[in-house]
């Protein structure tokens, strides 16, 4: 049970965390996009490196979720569905 006095703290912490994670994905997308503008370089290796990093994150998150699964079956399946769906999202709006 969470005391009522720190409810606003958790609300602000969750909001800030979500905003910072969103900014992280924007920064990664911008880095790959800017790399494509460098004359004479191809975007393939940079896109592959960004994709590998993203897939490694999803794999690590799934492993962590499996380890922490102690009897919370409903929450675990919902979180697993979120993590499996993450790689399907297009980078840079699908361009």
C-alpha atoms as a PDB file:
ATOM      1  CA  UNK A   1       0.000   0.000   0.000  1.00  0.00           C
ATOM      2  CA  UNK A   2       1.402   3.372  -1.018  1.00  0.00           C
ATOM      3  CA  UNK A   3       0.836   6.259   1.401  1.00  0.00           C
ATOM      4  CA  UNK A   4      -1.415   8.957  -0.029  1.00  0.00           C
ATOM      5  CA  UNK A   5       1.180  11.628   0.767  1.00  0.00           C
ATOM      6  CA  UNK A   6       3.613  10.396  -1.905  1.00  0.00           C
ATOM      7  CA  UNK A   7       1.047   9.746  -4.646  1.00  0.00           C
ATOM      8  CA  UNK A   8       1.963  12.980  -6.463  1.00  0.00           C
ATOM      9  CA  UNK A   9       5.658  12.089  -6.273  1.00  0.00           C
ATOM     10  CA  UNK A  10       5.051   8.794  -8.075  1.00  0.00           C
ATOM     11  CA  UNK A  11       2.841  10.504 -10.633  1.00  0.00           C
ATOM     12  CA  UNK A  12       5.515  13.094 -11.425  1.00  0.00           C
ATOM     13  CA  UNK A  13       8.284  10.456 -11.481  1.00  0.00           C
ATOM     14  CA  UNK A  14       6.365   8.274 -13.912  1.00  0.00           C
ATOM     15  CA  UNK A  15       5.570  11.213 -16.176  1.00  0.00           C
ATOM     16  CA  UNK A  16       9.177  12.398 -16.217  1.00  0.00           C
ATOM     17  CA  UNK A  17      10.442   8.883 -16.925  1.00  0.00           C
ATOM     18  CA  UNK A  18       8.066   8.482 -19.835  1.00  0.00           C
ATOM     19  CA  UNK A  19       9.103  11.830 -21.310  1.00  0.00           C
ATOM     20  CA  UNK A  20      12.806  10.999 -21.002  1.00  0.00           C
ATOM     21  CA  UNK A  21      12.378   7.584 -22.641  1.00  0.00           C
ATOM     22  CA  UNK A  22      10.495   9.270 -25.472  1.00  0.00           C
ATOM     23  CA  UNK A  23      13.335  11.749 -25.898  1.00  0.00           C
ATOM     24  CA  UNK A  24      15.818   8.886 -25.993  1.00  0.00           C
ATOM     25  CA  UNK A  25      13.997   7.309 -28.941  1.00  0.00           C
ATOM     26  CA  UNK A  26      13.852  10.682 -30.691  1.00  0.00           C
ATOM     27  CA  UNK A  27      17.603  11.123 -30.175  1.00  0.00           C
ATOM     28  CA  UNK A  28      18.354   7.686 -31.627  1.00  0.00           C
ATOM     29  CA  UNK A  29      16.135   8.350 -34.644  1.00  0.00           C
ATOM     30  CA  UNK A  30      17.777  11.721 -35.229  1.00  0.00           C
ATOM     31  CA  UNK A  31      21.266  10.228 -34.992  1.00  0.00           C
ATOM     32  CA  UNK A  32      20.458   7.642 -37.668  1.00  0.00           C
ATOM     33  CA  UNK A  33      18.755  10.279 -39.837  1.00  0.00           C
ATOM     34  CA  UNK A  34      21.685  12.681 -39.560  1.00  0.00           C
ATOM     35  CA  UNK A  35      24.108   9.895 -40.400  1.00  0.00           C
ATOM     36  CA  UNK A  36      22.209   9.420 -43.676  1.00  0.00           C
ATOM     37  CA  UNK A  37      23.004  13.028 -44.633  1.00  0.00           C
ATOM     38  CA  UNK A  38      26.790  12.513 -44.510  1.00  0.00           C
ATOM     39  CA  UNK A  39      28.011  12.456 -48.127  1.00  0.00           C
ATOM     40  CA  UNK A  40      29.536   9.184 -49.226  1.00  0.00           C
ATOM     41  CA  UNK A  41      28.146   7.093 -46.367  1.00  0.00           C
ATOM     42  CA  UNK A  42      25.342   4.588 -46.497  1.00  0.00           C
ATOM     43  CA  UNK A  43      22.688   4.363 -43.809  1.00  0.00           C
ATOM     44  CA  UNK A  44      22.684   0.550 -43.699  1.00  0.00           C
ATOM     45  CA  UNK A  45      25.376   0.028 -41.043  1.00  0.00           C
ATOM     46  CA  UNK A  46      24.007   2.786 -38.795  1.00  0.00           C
ATOM     47  CA  UNK A  47      20.457   1.448 -39.098  1.00  0.00           C
ATOM     48  CA  UNK A  48      21.664  -2.100 -38.412  1.00  0.00           C
ATOM     49  CA  UNK A  49      23.535  -0.935 -35.301  1.00  0.00           C
ATOM     50  CA  UNK A  50      20.464   0.933 -34.012  1.00  0.00           C
ATOM     51  CA  UNK A  51      18.263  -2.098 -34.724  1.00  0.00           C
ATOM     52  CA  UNK A  52      20.688  -4.458 -32.985  1.00  0.00           C
ATOM     53  CA  UNK A  53      20.741  -2.209 -29.934  1.00  0.00           C
ATOM     54  CA  UNK A  54      16.959  -2.079 -29.839  1.00  0.00           C
ATOM     55  CA  UNK A  55      16.602  -5.835 -30.202  1.00  0.00           C
ATOM     56  CA  UNK A  56      19.217  -6.381 -27.482  1.00  0.00           C
ATOM     57  CA  UNK A  57      17.200  -4.113 -25.183  1.00  0.00           C
ATOM     58  CA  UNK A  58      13.979  -6.021 -25.872  1.00  0.00           C
ATOM     59  CA  UNK A  59      15.734  -9.375 -25.326  1.00  0.00           C
ATOM     60  CA  UNK A  60      17.228  -8.171 -22.028  1.00  0.00           C
ATOM     61  CA  UNK A  61      13.866  -6.830 -20.893  1.00  0.00           C
ATOM     62  CA  UNK A  62      12.180 -10.154 -21.725  1.00  0.00           C
ATOM     63  CA  UNK A  63      14.836 -12.074 -19.791  1.00  0.00           C
ATOM     64  CA  UNK A  64      14.370  -9.767 -16.831  1.00  0.00           C
ATOM     65  CA  UNK A  65      10.611 -10.218 -17.039  1.00  0.00           C
ATOM     66  CA  UNK A  66      10.959 -14.001 -17.072  1.00  0.00           C
ATOM     67  CA  UNK A  67      13.189 -13.903 -13.985  1.00  0.00           C
ATOM     68  CA  UNK A  68      10.811 -11.663 -12.035  1.00  0.00           C
ATOM     69  CA  UNK A  69       7.713 -13.629 -12.937  1.00  0.00           C
ATOM     70  CA  UNK A  70       6.969 -14.991  -9.424  1.00  0.00           C
ATOM     71  CA  UNK A  71       3.281 -15.734  -9.588  1.00  0.00           C
ATOM     72  CA  UNK A  72       2.079 -12.580 -11.338  1.00  0.00           C
ATOM     73  CA  UNK A  73       0.950 -14.386 -14.457  1.00  0.00           C
ATOM     74  CA  UNK A  74      -1.554 -11.772 -15.708  1.00  0.00           C
ATOM     75  CA  UNK A  75       0.853  -8.832 -15.406  1.00  0.00           C
ATOM     76  CA  UNK A  76       3.681 -10.871 -16.916  1.00  0.00           C
ATOM     77  CA  UNK A  77       1.745 -11.741 -20.064  1.00  0.00           C
ATOM     78  CA  UNK A  78       0.644  -8.110 -20.527  1.00  0.00           C
ATOM     79  CA  UNK A  79       4.225  -6.835 -20.170  1.00  0.00           C
ATOM     80  CA  UNK A  80       5.558  -9.559 -22.459  1.00  0.00           C
ATOM     81  CA  UNK A  81       3.038  -8.577 -25.136  1.00  0.00           C
ATOM     82  CA  UNK A  82       4.243  -4.977 -24.900  1.00  0.00           C
ATOM     83  CA  UNK A  83       7.896  -5.980 -25.249  1.00  0.00           C
ATOM     84  CA  UNK A  84       7.216  -8.316 -28.176  1.00  0.00           C
ATOM     85  CA  UNK A  85       5.326  -5.527 -29.945  1.00  0.00           C
ATOM     86  CA  UNK A  86       8.121  -2.971 -29.522  1.00  0.00           C
ATOM     87  CA  UNK A  87      10.305  -4.126 -32.456  1.00  0.00           C
ATOM     88  CA  UNK A  88       7.326  -3.888 -34.829  1.00  0.00           C
ATOM     89  CA  UNK A  89       7.147  -0.097 -34.530  1.00  0.00           C
ATOM     90  CA  UNK A  90       8.658   1.750 -37.516  1.00  0.00           C
ATOM     91  CA  UNK A  91      11.648   4.004 -36.964  1.00  0.00           C
ATOM     92  CA  UNK A  92      11.399   7.582 -38.332  1.00  0.00           C
ATOM     93  CA  UNK A  93       7.698   7.282 -39.032  1.00  0.00           C
ATOM     94  CA  UNK A  94       8.191   4.334 -41.396  1.00  0.00           C
ATOM     95  CA  UNK A  95      10.486   6.189 -43.811  1.00  0.00           C
END
